[in-house]
């Protein structure tokens, strides 16, 4: 579970053209006064360490940042922030060190590869990108072990731009950066999707190129591929929330806390520009329906990767309708197939090819039908135990 604290809601100092939070900005729900006392109470109620999030969280005044992080360090022993990196100063660096703040940077590449993270004009955008690059490199040099999120789009991963992006990752890895996360573009704007979105084939090409890079560089960790391998082995502990049977009305894996301490959901499921009240209990109707619905009708019926993927994130569902499977279905299938083949070549049977798969699927659907969460790891263990008992 990730606790995201958003004091300024989705307010940001730059204007990424594709940002999934733009519906909230368009609806004028970008910022409101915040109350640190109420935020802390809400974090206490959630019961764990938090990530400072946005928008851009470093818009928060330094004194309020120190207030939150000093409290977080005393209470939980650590802190975290996800930032575009443009505002990081010497004062921020000092607080990162003092209060054990893990820093995640969102950046789509060097120079022109990051132009879609727009800052009003091309010159300002390039200046902002240079500041983000400098901050990221400084954090690496000073031993902070930051992480990086890269969104793939036409501006950084199409045609001859992809080799430049891969080389940038090599260069960052040589500086000590090891933790990378890849996102496929998500936008509610048809114009942005048409102009910046990669085709199905281009997304597959880009992801397989990054997969090859992890084989080229020992120790390079791209969590997407690590998660997918684990899922094929029937291990879902610690994998990303996009594979986790998420209810878009309560997003159990992401517990949002807004400026007045009110609860909110993961912004990726927010298609209407409104932070709806968070449901108290998760439901799994989406996954029961996807299991039974034919693929040509937006479902996942008879897909051998269903247990691993579960239709993927509802925030990326076909037509923006969470009841459908992800619009990137064929992309994920293609990557799963490559990883599946790798395991089979090593003499390891992936869950997708197991004779137990359908039995495990039925168990999962039965639990979801009862409104209960069930882990893939437990399902697999129960099946093995049940078979052992039958053989006695």
Foldseek 3Di string as FASTA:
>chain_A
DAEEEEQFAAAAQWCQPQDLLVLLVVVVNGGDHFDVVLQVVLCVVVPAEHEYEHNARVVDDLVVVLVVLVVSCVVHVAHEYEHQQLPDDPSNVVSCVVRVYAYEHEAAAAAQLRCSRGNPDNVVSNNSRVRNVVRLLVCLQVPSQHEYEHEAWPSQQPDPNLVRRLVRVVVSVVSPHAHYEYHYGAHPDPVCCVVIHDDLVSLLVSVVVVVVSCVVDPRRDYLVLVLLLCVQALHRPPHDLQQFLAALQARVVYWYQYRSRATFHPSLLDPNSDGDHRDPAGARVLLLLLCPDDVVVQHPHPPLCCSRRSLTHLSQGPPSGSSGRHPSVVSVVSSSVVSCVVCVVVVHHTLSRDPCNVVLVVVCSVQSVVRHGDGSNVSVVVVVVVVVVVVD
